[in-house]
Amino acid sequence: MRARAVRALALVLLLAGPGCGYALVGKGVTTDVSIKRIGVPLFRDLTGKPGLDQKITQKVIEELLKRGRFDVVQQTSEVDAVVEGELTSYLAVPVGFSDEAQRTQPNRYSVTLTARVHYTKTGQKESIWENDAFAYREEYDVSDDPGGFFQQEEQAIDRLSTQFARSLVSAMLEAF
């Protein structure tokens, strides 16, 4: 009798287990298998930061190519899907100072890039994925040499562009 009760309980738990609501996060890919060729036209730049649109667009293309599933071009014709972006904000803010009490000389900056991005299958009105405020932030240190500021900012923009594109493509293609 007791063995029968244990088996019945085990059977109930076994049947109830799959319906408990637990699932692996990020296990799926939201990409339509019919999408083979993606167009990534030049991101529009509303920030006024010279060359940022070209750098971000190139990094997004590189990141999509790394996935190995797509042919990626910088046009919108003869493609299965299009990634359209608009850089809406580039903000560099001092977050550290050489003299914290006086706050006279910034020695660390935080750079935040925000974009509006739409990933759409050709011929469909509704986006596969979209985010009107996709943001990524990077911090960098500045040396005491005033001439080094622009070089260090450019290196930070390179890192920011790479990480921005990696994060964006992951968000677009992976089910998180």
N, C-alpha and C. Protein backbone atom coordinates (compact mmCIF):
# COMPACT_ATOMS: atom_id res chain seq x y z
N MET A 1 0.82 -1.19 0.00
CA MET A 1 0.00 0.00 0.00
C MET A 1 0.86 1.25 0.00
N ARG A 2 1.88 1.25 0.86
CA ARG A 2 2.75 2.40 0.94
C ARG A 2 3.54 2.58 -0.35
N ALA A 3 4.01 1.53 -0.95
CA ALA A 3 4.76 1.60 -2.20
C ALA A 3 3.86 2.18 -3.30
N ARG A 4 2.61 1.81 -3.27
CA ARG A 4 1.67 2.32 -4.27
C ARG A 4 1.48 3.84 -4.10
N ALA A 5 1.42 4.32 -2.88
CA ALA A 5 1.26 5.75 -2.60
C ALA A 5 2.50 6.52 -3.05
N VAL A 6 3.67 5.96 -2.81
CA VAL A 6 4.92 6.60 -3.22
C VAL A 6 4.98 6.69 -4.74
N ARG A 7 4.60 5.61 -5.44
CA ARG A 7 4.59 5.63 -6.91
C ARG A 7 3.59 6.64 -7.44
N ALA A 8 2.43 6.73 -6.81
CA ALA A 8 1.40 7.69 -7.24
C ALA A 8 1.90 9.12 -7.05
N LEU A 9 2.57 9.37 -5.92
CA LEU A 9 3.12 10.69 -5.66
C LEU A 9 4.22 11.02 -6.67
N ALA A 10 5.07 10.06 -6.96
CA ALA A 10 6.15 10.27 -7.94
C ALA A 10 5.56 10.57 -9.32
N LEU A 11 4.51 9.85 -9.69
CA LEU A 11 3.86 10.08 -10.97
C LEU A 11 3.26 11.48 -11.04
N VAL A 12 2.62 11.92 -9.97
CA VAL A 12 2.03 13.26 -9.93
C VAL A 12 3.13 14.32 -10.07
N LEU A 13 4.22 14.15 -9.34
CA LEU A 13 5.33 15.11 -9.43
C LEU A 13 5.96 15.11 -10.81
N LEU A 14 6.10 13.96 -11.41
CA LEU A 14 6.67 13.86 -12.74
C LEU A 14 5.80 14.56 -13.77
N LEU A 15 4.51 14.40 -13.66
CA LEU A 15 3.59 15.04 -14.60
C LEU A 15 3.46 16.54 -14.35
N ALA A 16 3.56 16.96 -13.10
CA ALA A 16 3.41 18.37 -12.76
C ALA A 16 4.70 19.16 -13.02
N GLY A 17 5.82 18.51 -13.02
CA GLY A 17 7.12 19.18 -13.18
C GLY A 17 7.23 20.07 -14.40
N PRO A 18 6.90 19.58 -15.60
CA PRO A 18 7.03 20.42 -16.78
C PRO A 18 6.13 21.65 -16.77
N GLY A 19 5.07 21.63 -16.04
CA GLY A 19 4.16 22.76 -16.00
C GLY A 19 4.42 23.73 -14.87
N CYS A 20 5.55 23.60 -14.19
CA CYS A 20 5.79 24.42 -13.01
C CYS A 20 6.22 25.84 -13.35
N GLY A 21 6.52 26.14 -14.60
CA GLY A 21 6.87 27.50 -14.98
C GLY A 21 8.36 27.74 -15.09
N TYR A 22 9.16 26.78 -14.77
CA TYR A 22 10.61 26.96 -14.90
C TYR A 22 11.04 26.70 -16.33
N ALA A 23 11.96 27.51 -16.80
CA ALA A 23 12.49 27.33 -18.15
C ALA A 23 13.90 27.91 -18.19
N LEU A 24 14.69 27.46 -19.13
CA LEU A 24 16.03 27.99 -19.30
C LEU A 24 15.95 29.36 -19.94
N VAL A 25 16.63 30.33 -19.35
CA VAL A 25 16.63 31.67 -19.91
C VAL A 25 17.60 31.71 -21.08
N GLY A 26 17.21 32.36 -22.17
CA GLY A 26 18.09 32.53 -23.31
C GLY A 26 18.30 31.28 -24.13
N LYS A 27 17.45 30.29 -23.98
CA LYS A 27 17.66 29.04 -24.71
C LYS A 27 17.25 29.13 -26.16
N GLY A 28 16.37 30.08 -26.48
CA GLY A 28 15.85 30.17 -27.83
C GLY A 28 16.51 31.29 -28.62
N VAL A 29 16.33 31.23 -29.90
CA VAL A 29 16.80 32.29 -30.78
C VAL A 29 15.57 32.83 -31.49
N THR A 30 15.42 34.13 -31.48
CA THR A 30 14.23 34.74 -32.03
C THR A 30 14.36 34.99 -33.53
N THR A 31 15.43 34.55 -34.13
CA THR A 31 15.66 34.80 -35.54
C THR A 31 14.84 33.85 -36.40
N ASP A 32 14.13 34.41 -37.33
CA ASP A 32 13.38 33.65 -38.32
C ASP A 32 14.40 32.93 -39.21
N VAL A 33 14.26 31.62 -39.37
CA VAL A 33 15.23 30.85 -40.15
C VAL A 33 15.24 31.23 -41.62
N SER A 34 14.20 31.92 -42.08
CA SER A 34 14.19 32.35 -43.48
C SER A 34 15.04 33.59 -43.72
N ILE A 35 15.51 34.20 -42.65
CA ILE A 35 16.36 35.40 -42.79
C ILE A 35 17.80 34.96 -43.02
N LYS A 36 18.26 35.20 -44.22
CA LYS A 36 19.63 34.83 -44.60
C LYS A 36 20.50 36.06 -44.88
N ARG A 37 19.85 37.14 -45.34
CA ARG A 37 20.58 38.34 -45.76
C ARG A 37 19.97 39.54 -45.02
N ILE A 38 20.81 40.25 -44.26
CA ILE A 38 20.35 41.38 -43.46
C ILE A 38 20.99 42.66 -43.98
N GLY A 39 20.17 43.68 -44.15
CA GLY A 39 20.65 44.99 -44.55
C GLY A 39 20.82 45.88 -43.32
N VAL A 40 21.98 46.53 -43.24
CA VAL A 40 22.25 47.46 -42.14
C VAL A 40 22.71 48.78 -42.76
N PRO A 41 21.75 49.65 -43.11
CA PRO A 41 22.15 50.95 -43.66
C PRO A 41 22.82 51.79 -42.58
N LEU A 42 23.52 52.83 -42.99
CA LEU A 42 24.21 53.73 -42.07
C LEU A 42 23.24 54.25 -41.02
N PHE A 43 23.61 54.09 -39.75
CA PHE A 43 22.79 54.61 -38.66
C PHE A 43 22.72 56.14 -38.79
N ARG A 44 21.54 56.71 -38.60
CA ARG A 44 21.40 58.17 -38.59
C ARG A 44 22.03 58.69 -37.31
N ASP A 45 22.69 59.83 -37.40
CA ASP A 45 23.37 60.39 -36.23
C ASP A 45 22.76 61.72 -35.83
N LEU A 46 22.12 61.74 -34.70
CA LEU A 46 21.55 62.97 -34.15
C LEU A 46 22.45 63.54 -33.05
N THR A 47 23.61 62.89 -32.81
CA THR A 47 24.47 63.30 -31.71
C THR A 47 25.45 64.41 -32.09
N GLY A 48 25.80 64.48 -33.37
CA GLY A 48 26.79 65.46 -33.80
C GLY A 48 28.22 65.02 -33.55
N LYS A 49 28.41 63.80 -33.09
CA LYS A 49 29.76 63.28 -32.83
C LYS A 49 30.34 62.78 -34.15
N PRO A 50 31.38 63.42 -34.69
CA PRO A 50 31.91 63.05 -36.00
C PRO A 50 32.34 61.58 -36.09
N GLY A 51 31.85 60.90 -37.13
CA GLY A 51 32.25 59.52 -37.43
C GLY A 51 31.59 58.46 -36.58
N LEU A 52 30.81 58.84 -35.59
CA LEU A 52 30.19 57.85 -34.70
C LEU A 52 29.21 56.96 -35.45
N ASP A 53 28.44 57.54 -36.37
CA ASP A 53 27.48 56.76 -37.15
C ASP A 53 28.17 55.67 -37.96
N GLN A 54 29.29 56.00 -38.58
CA GLN A 54 30.03 55.01 -39.37
C GLN A 54 30.62 53.92 -38.50
N LYS A 55 31.17 54.33 -37.35
CA LYS A 55 31.80 53.36 -36.45
C LYS A 55 30.77 52.37 -35.90
N ILE A 56 29.63 52.88 -35.44
CA ILE A 56 28.59 52.01 -34.87
C ILE A 56 28.02 51.09 -35.95
N THR A 57 27.73 51.62 -37.12
CA THR A 57 27.19 50.80 -38.21
C THR A 57 28.16 49.68 -38.55
N GLN A 58 29.44 49.99 -38.67
CA GLN A 58 30.44 48.98 -39.01
C GLN A 58 30.53 47.91 -37.93
N LYS A 59 30.50 48.31 -36.67
CA LYS A 59 30.59 47.35 -35.57
C LYS A 59 29.35 46.44 -35.52
N VAL A 60 28.18 46.98 -35.82
CA VAL A 60 26.95 46.15 -35.85
C VAL A 60 27.05 45.13 -36.98
N ILE A 61 27.53 45.57 -38.13
CA ILE A 61 27.72 44.64 -39.27
C ILE A 61 28.71 43.54 -38.89
N GLU A 62 29.83 43.92 -38.30
CA GLU A 62 30.84 42.93 -37.89
C GLU A 62 30.27 41.93 -36.90
N GLU A 63 29.49 42.42 -35.95
CA GLU A 63 28.92 41.54 -34.93
C GLU A 63 27.91 40.57 -35.54
N LEU A 64 27.10 41.03 -36.49
CA LEU A 64 26.16 40.13 -37.17
C LEU A 64 26.92 39.09 -37.99
N LEU A 65 28.00 39.50 -38.64
CA LEU A 65 28.81 38.56 -39.42
C LEU A 65 29.46 37.50 -38.54
N LYS A 66 29.85 37.88 -37.33
CA LYS A 66 30.46 36.92 -36.39
C LYS A 66 29.50 35.78 -36.05
N ARG A 67 28.21 36.05 -36.14
CA ARG A 67 27.21 35.01 -35.84
C ARG A 67 27.23 33.89 -36.87
N GLY A 68 27.76 34.18 -38.06
CA GLY A 68 27.95 33.16 -39.08
C GLY A 68 26.69 32.66 -39.77
N ARG A 69 25.55 33.22 -39.45
CA ARG A 69 24.30 32.74 -40.04
C ARG A 69 23.78 33.66 -41.13
N PHE A 70 24.40 34.82 -41.28
CA PHE A 70 23.84 35.82 -42.16
C PHE A 70 24.86 36.36 -43.15
N ASP A 71 24.34 36.79 -44.28
CA ASP A 71 25.09 37.63 -45.20
C ASP A 71 24.62 39.04 -44.83
N VAL A 72 25.55 39.94 -44.55
CA VAL A 72 25.18 41.27 -44.09
C VAL A 72 25.71 42.30 -45.08
N VAL A 73 24.82 43.18 -45.50
CA VAL A 73 25.17 44.23 -46.45
C VAL A 73 24.72 45.58 -45.90
N GLN A 74 25.23 46.65 -46.52
CA GLN A 74 24.88 47.99 -46.03
C GLN A 74 23.79 48.63 -46.89
N GLN A 75 22.91 47.82 -47.43
CA GLN A 75 21.82 48.31 -48.27
C GLN A 75 20.51 47.75 -47.76
N THR A 76 19.40 48.29 -48.27
CA THR A 76 18.08 47.81 -47.83
C THR A 76 17.34 47.06 -48.92
N SER A 77 17.92 46.98 -50.12
CA SER A 77 17.26 46.23 -51.20
C SER A 77 17.83 44.82 -51.28
N GLU A 78 17.01 43.90 -51.75
CA GLU A 78 17.39 42.50 -51.93
C GLU A 78 17.90 41.86 -50.63
N VAL A 79 17.21 42.17 -49.52
CA VAL A 79 17.53 41.60 -48.22
C VAL A 79 16.28 40.99 -47.61
N ASP A 80 16.47 40.09 -46.65
CA ASP A 80 15.36 39.45 -45.96
C ASP A 80 14.89 40.26 -44.75
N ALA A 81 15.82 41.05 -44.16
CA ALA A 81 15.50 41.85 -42.99
C ALA A 81 16.42 43.08 -42.98
N VAL A 82 15.99 44.09 -42.22
CA VAL A 82 16.74 45.34 -42.14
C VAL A 82 16.88 45.76 -40.68
N VAL A 83 18.08 46.21 -40.33
CA VAL A 83 18.33 46.80 -39.02
C VAL A 83 18.54 48.30 -39.26
N GLU A 84 17.59 49.09 -38.78
CA GLU A 84 17.69 50.53 -38.93
C GLU A 84 17.94 51.15 -37.57
N GLY A 85 18.92 52.05 -37.52
CA GLY A 85 19.26 52.67 -36.25
C GLY A 85 19.41 54.17 -36.36
N GLU A 86 19.20 54.80 -35.24
CA GLU A 86 19.33 56.25 -35.13
C GLU A 86 20.01 56.54 -33.80
N LEU A 87 21.20 57.12 -33.84
CA LEU A 87 21.93 57.47 -32.62
C LEU A 87 21.31 58.75 -32.07
N THR A 88 20.67 58.64 -30.93
CA THR A 88 19.90 59.77 -30.40
C THR A 88 20.65 60.58 -29.35
N SER A 89 21.63 59.99 -28.68
CA SER A 89 22.32 60.72 -27.63
C SER A 89 23.72 60.16 -27.40
N TYR A 90 24.67 61.07 -27.27
CA TYR A 90 26.04 60.73 -26.87
C TYR A 90 26.37 61.69 -25.74
N LEU A 91 26.60 61.15 -24.56
CA LEU A 91 26.80 61.99 -23.39
C LEU A 91 28.07 61.57 -22.67
N ALA A 92 29.01 62.50 -22.54
CA ALA A 92 30.25 62.28 -21.78
C ALA A 92 30.18 63.14 -20.53
N VAL A 93 30.24 62.48 -19.36
CA VAL A 93 30.09 63.18 -18.09
C VAL A 93 31.27 62.83 -17.19
N PRO A 94 31.91 63.85 -16.57
CA PRO A 94 32.98 63.53 -15.62
C PRO A 94 32.40 62.83 -14.39
N VAL A 95 33.04 61.72 -13.99
CA VAL A 95 32.58 60.97 -12.83
C VAL A 95 33.66 60.82 -11.77
N GLY A 96 34.87 61.27 -12.09
CA GLY A 96 35.97 61.21 -11.13
C GLY A 96 36.85 62.43 -11.30
N PHE A 97 37.44 62.87 -10.18
CA PHE A 97 38.25 64.07 -10.21
C PHE A 97 39.57 63.82 -9.50
N SER A 98 40.63 64.50 -9.98
CA SER A 98 41.95 64.33 -9.36
C SER A 98 41.94 64.89 -7.95
N ASP A 99 41.18 65.94 -7.72
CA ASP A 99 41.03 66.51 -6.39
C ASP A 99 39.54 66.44 -6.05
N GLU A 100 39.11 65.37 -5.39
CA GLU A 100 37.69 65.14 -5.12
C GLU A 100 37.06 66.27 -4.32
N ALA A 101 37.81 66.88 -3.42
CA ALA A 101 37.24 67.95 -2.59
C ALA A 101 36.93 69.19 -3.42
N GLN A 102 37.83 69.56 -4.32
CA GLN A 102 37.66 70.77 -5.12
C GLN A 102 36.90 70.51 -6.44
N ARG A 103 36.94 69.26 -6.91
CA ARG A 103 36.32 68.88 -8.19
C ARG A 103 36.78 69.81 -9.32
N THR A 104 38.06 70.03 -9.36
CA THR A 104 38.61 70.96 -10.36
C THR A 104 39.02 70.28 -11.65
N GLN A 105 39.66 69.14 -11.58
CA GLN A 105 40.20 68.49 -12.77
C GLN A 105 39.62 67.09 -12.94
N PRO A 106 38.72 66.90 -13.93
CA PRO A 106 38.18 65.55 -14.16
C PRO A 106 39.28 64.59 -14.61
N ASN A 107 39.26 63.37 -14.05
CA ASN A 107 40.23 62.35 -14.48
C ASN A 107 39.55 61.04 -14.88
N ARG A 108 38.22 61.02 -14.83
CA ARG A 108 37.46 59.85 -15.26
C ARG A 108 36.12 60.33 -15.83
N TYR A 109 35.78 59.76 -16.99
CA TYR A 109 34.54 60.13 -17.67
C TYR A 109 33.68 58.89 -17.88
N SER A 110 32.38 59.12 -17.91
CA SER A 110 31.41 58.09 -18.28
C SER A 110 30.78 58.54 -19.59
N VAL A 111 30.80 57.65 -20.58
CA VAL A 111 30.22 57.95 -21.88
C VAL A 111 29.03 57.02 -22.08
N THR A 112 27.87 57.60 -22.41
CA THR A 112 26.66 56.83 -22.65
C THR A 112 26.17 57.11 -24.06
N LEU A 113 25.93 56.05 -24.80
CA LEU A 113 25.40 56.16 -26.16
C LEU A 113 24.00 55.55 -26.15
N THR A 114 23.03 56.30 -26.67
CA THR A 114 21.65 55.83 -26.74
C THR A 114 21.20 55.85 -28.20
N ALA A 115 20.45 54.81 -28.59
CA ALA A 115 20.00 54.71 -29.99
C ALA A 115 18.58 54.17 -30.05
N ARG A 116 17.94 54.48 -31.14
CA ARG A 116 16.63 53.93 -31.49
C ARG A 116 16.90 52.90 -32.59
N VAL A 117 16.52 51.64 -32.36
CA VAL A 117 16.84 50.57 -33.30
C VAL A 117 15.60 49.74 -33.61
N HIS A 118 15.42 49.44 -34.90
CA HIS A 118 14.31 48.60 -35.35
C HIS A 118 14.87 47.51 -36.26
N TYR A 119 14.53 46.27 -35.94
CA TYR A 119 14.93 45.10 -36.73
C TYR A 119 13.65 44.54 -37.33
N THR A 120 13.51 44.64 -38.64
CA THR A 120 12.25 44.31 -39.31
C THR A 120 12.48 43.36 -40.46
N LYS A 121 11.59 42.39 -40.60
CA LYS A 121 11.63 41.50 -41.75
C LYS A 121 11.05 42.24 -42.94
N THR A 122 11.70 42.11 -44.09
CA THR A 122 11.26 42.79 -45.30
C THR A 122 9.82 42.40 -45.63
N GLY A 123 9.01 43.42 -45.93
CA GLY A 123 7.62 43.18 -46.29
C GLY A 123 6.66 43.16 -45.11
N GLN A 124 7.17 43.26 -43.89
CA GLN A 124 6.30 43.27 -42.71
C GLN A 124 6.35 44.63 -42.04
N LYS A 125 5.22 45.07 -41.54
CA LYS A 125 5.16 46.37 -40.86
C LYS A 125 5.67 46.27 -39.42
N GLU A 126 5.34 45.18 -38.75
CA GLU A 126 5.71 45.03 -37.35
C GLU A 126 7.16 44.56 -37.23
N SER A 127 7.89 45.18 -36.31
CA SER A 127 9.30 44.85 -36.10
C SER A 127 9.44 43.48 -35.45
N ILE A 128 10.52 42.80 -35.77
CA ILE A 128 10.89 41.57 -35.09
C ILE A 128 11.36 41.94 -33.68
N TRP A 129 12.14 43.03 -33.63
CA TRP A 129 12.67 43.55 -32.37
C TRP A 129 12.84 45.05 -32.51
N GLU A 130 12.56 45.78 -31.45
CA GLU A 130 12.79 47.22 -31.48
C GLU A 130 13.04 47.74 -30.08
N ASN A 131 13.80 48.82 -30.02
CA ASN A 131 14.06 49.49 -28.76
C ASN A 131 14.30 50.96 -29.08
N ASP A 132 13.49 51.83 -28.53
CA ASP A 132 13.61 53.26 -28.80
C ASP A 132 14.62 53.95 -27.90
N ALA A 133 15.17 53.24 -26.94
CA ALA A 133 16.14 53.85 -26.02
C ALA A 133 17.21 52.83 -25.63
N PHE A 134 17.81 52.18 -26.62
CA PHE A 134 18.85 51.19 -26.35
C PHE A 134 20.11 51.96 -25.95
N ALA A 135 20.65 51.68 -24.77
CA ALA A 135 21.80 52.45 -24.26
C ALA A 135 22.92 51.53 -23.82
N TYR A 136 24.13 52.06 -23.96
CA TYR A 136 25.31 51.37 -23.46
C TYR A 136 26.25 52.42 -22.88
N ARG A 137 26.93 52.06 -21.79
CA ARG A 137 27.79 53.00 -21.07
C ARG A 137 29.20 52.44 -20.93
N GLU A 138 30.19 53.32 -21.06
CA GLU A 138 31.60 52.96 -20.91
C GLU A 138 32.28 54.06 -20.09
N GLU A 139 33.22 53.69 -19.24
CA GLU A 139 34.00 54.67 -18.49
C GLU A 139 35.46 54.60 -18.92
N TYR A 140 36.13 55.74 -18.84
CA TYR A 140 37.55 55.77 -19.15
C TYR A 140 38.25 56.81 -18.31
N ASP A 141 39.54 56.56 -18.07
CA ASP A 141 40.38 57.47 -17.30
C ASP A 141 41.06 58.44 -18.24
N VAL A 142 41.35 59.63 -17.71
CA VAL A 142 42.04 60.67 -18.46
C VAL A 142 43.33 60.98 -17.72
N SER A 143 44.42 61.06 -18.47
CA SER A 143 45.70 61.40 -17.85
C SER A 143 45.77 62.90 -17.57
N ASP A 144 46.80 63.33 -16.89
CA ASP A 144 46.99 64.75 -16.60
C ASP A 144 47.39 65.53 -17.84
N ASP A 145 47.85 64.83 -18.87
CA ASP A 145 48.27 65.47 -20.11
C ASP A 145 47.03 65.90 -20.90
N PRO A 146 46.81 67.21 -21.09
CA PRO A 146 45.62 67.66 -21.82
C PRO A 146 45.56 67.13 -23.25
N GLY A 147 46.68 66.89 -23.87
CA GLY A 147 46.71 66.37 -25.24
C GLY A 147 46.25 64.92 -25.31
N GLY A 148 46.31 64.20 -24.22
CA GLY A 148 45.91 62.80 -24.19
C GLY A 148 44.42 62.59 -24.09
N PHE A 149 43.67 63.65 -23.76
CA PHE A 149 42.23 63.53 -23.57
C PHE A 149 41.55 62.98 -24.81
N PHE A 150 41.83 63.57 -25.98
CA PHE A 150 41.14 63.16 -27.20
C PHE A 150 41.52 61.75 -27.62
N GLN A 151 42.77 61.37 -27.43
CA GLN A 151 43.20 60.01 -27.75
C GLN A 151 42.50 59.00 -26.85
N GLN A 152 42.42 59.30 -25.57
CA GLN A 152 41.76 58.40 -24.63
C GLN A 152 40.26 58.34 -24.89
N GLU A 153 39.67 59.47 -25.27
CA GLU A 153 38.25 59.46 -25.61
C GLU A 153 38.00 58.61 -26.85
N GLU A 154 38.88 58.72 -27.84
CA GLU A 154 38.73 57.93 -29.07
C GLU A 154 38.84 56.43 -28.77
N GLN A 155 39.77 56.05 -27.90
CA GLN A 155 39.88 54.64 -27.50
C GLN A 155 38.63 54.18 -26.76
N ALA A 156 38.08 55.04 -25.92
CA ALA A 156 36.85 54.70 -25.20
C ALA A 156 35.69 54.54 -26.18
N ILE A 157 35.63 55.39 -27.21
CA ILE A 157 34.57 55.28 -28.21
C ILE A 157 34.71 53.98 -28.99
N ASP A 158 35.94 53.55 -29.28
CA ASP A 158 36.15 52.26 -29.94
C ASP A 158 35.61 51.12 -29.09
N ARG A 159 35.96 51.12 -27.80
CA ARG A 159 35.47 50.07 -26.89
C ARG A 159 33.94 50.14 -26.77
N LEU A 160 33.43 51.36 -26.63
CA LEU A 160 31.99 51.56 -26.51
C LEU A 160 31.27 51.04 -27.74
N SER A 161 31.80 51.33 -28.93
CA SER A 161 31.18 50.89 -30.18
C SER A 161 31.13 49.37 -30.27
N THR A 162 32.24 48.73 -29.93
CA THR A 162 32.30 47.27 -29.97
C THR A 162 31.31 46.64 -29.00
N GLN A 163 31.31 47.12 -27.76
CA GLN A 163 30.42 46.56 -26.75
C GLN A 163 28.95 46.90 -27.03
N PHE A 164 28.71 48.11 -27.52
CA PHE A 164 27.36 48.52 -27.90
C PHE A 164 26.81 47.56 -28.96
N ALA A 165 27.60 47.31 -30.01
CA ALA A 165 27.17 46.43 -31.10
C ALA A 165 26.95 45.00 -30.60
N ARG A 166 27.85 44.50 -29.78
CA ARG A 166 27.72 43.14 -29.24
C ARG A 166 26.43 43.01 -28.43
N SER A 167 26.19 43.98 -27.57
CA SER A 167 24.99 43.96 -26.73
C SER A 167 23.72 44.11 -27.56
N LEU A 168 23.77 44.98 -28.56
CA LEU A 168 22.61 45.21 -29.43
C LEU A 168 22.26 43.95 -30.22
N VAL A 169 23.24 43.34 -30.85
CA VAL A 169 22.98 42.15 -31.66
C VAL A 169 22.48 41.00 -30.78
N SER A 170 23.04 40.86 -29.60
CA SER A 170 22.55 39.83 -28.67
C SER A 170 21.08 40.07 -28.32
N ALA A 171 20.76 41.31 -28.02
CA ALA A 171 19.37 41.64 -27.67
C ALA A 171 18.43 41.37 -28.83
N MET A 172 18.87 41.67 -30.04
CA MET A 172 18.03 41.48 -31.22
C MET A 172 17.80 40.01 -31.55
N LEU A 173 18.82 39.19 -31.39
CA LEU A 173 18.76 37.82 -31.90
C LEU A 173 18.49 36.74 -30.87
N GLU A 174 18.72 37.02 -29.60
CA GLU A 174 18.60 35.98 -28.59
C GLU A 174 17.38 36.22 -27.72
N ALA A 175 16.73 35.16 -27.34
CA ALA A 175 15.50 35.24 -26.54
C ALA A 175 15.82 35.37 -25.07
N PHE A 176 16.10 36.57 -24.63
CA PHE A 176 16.35 36.80 -23.20
C PHE A 176 15.21 37.56 -22.61
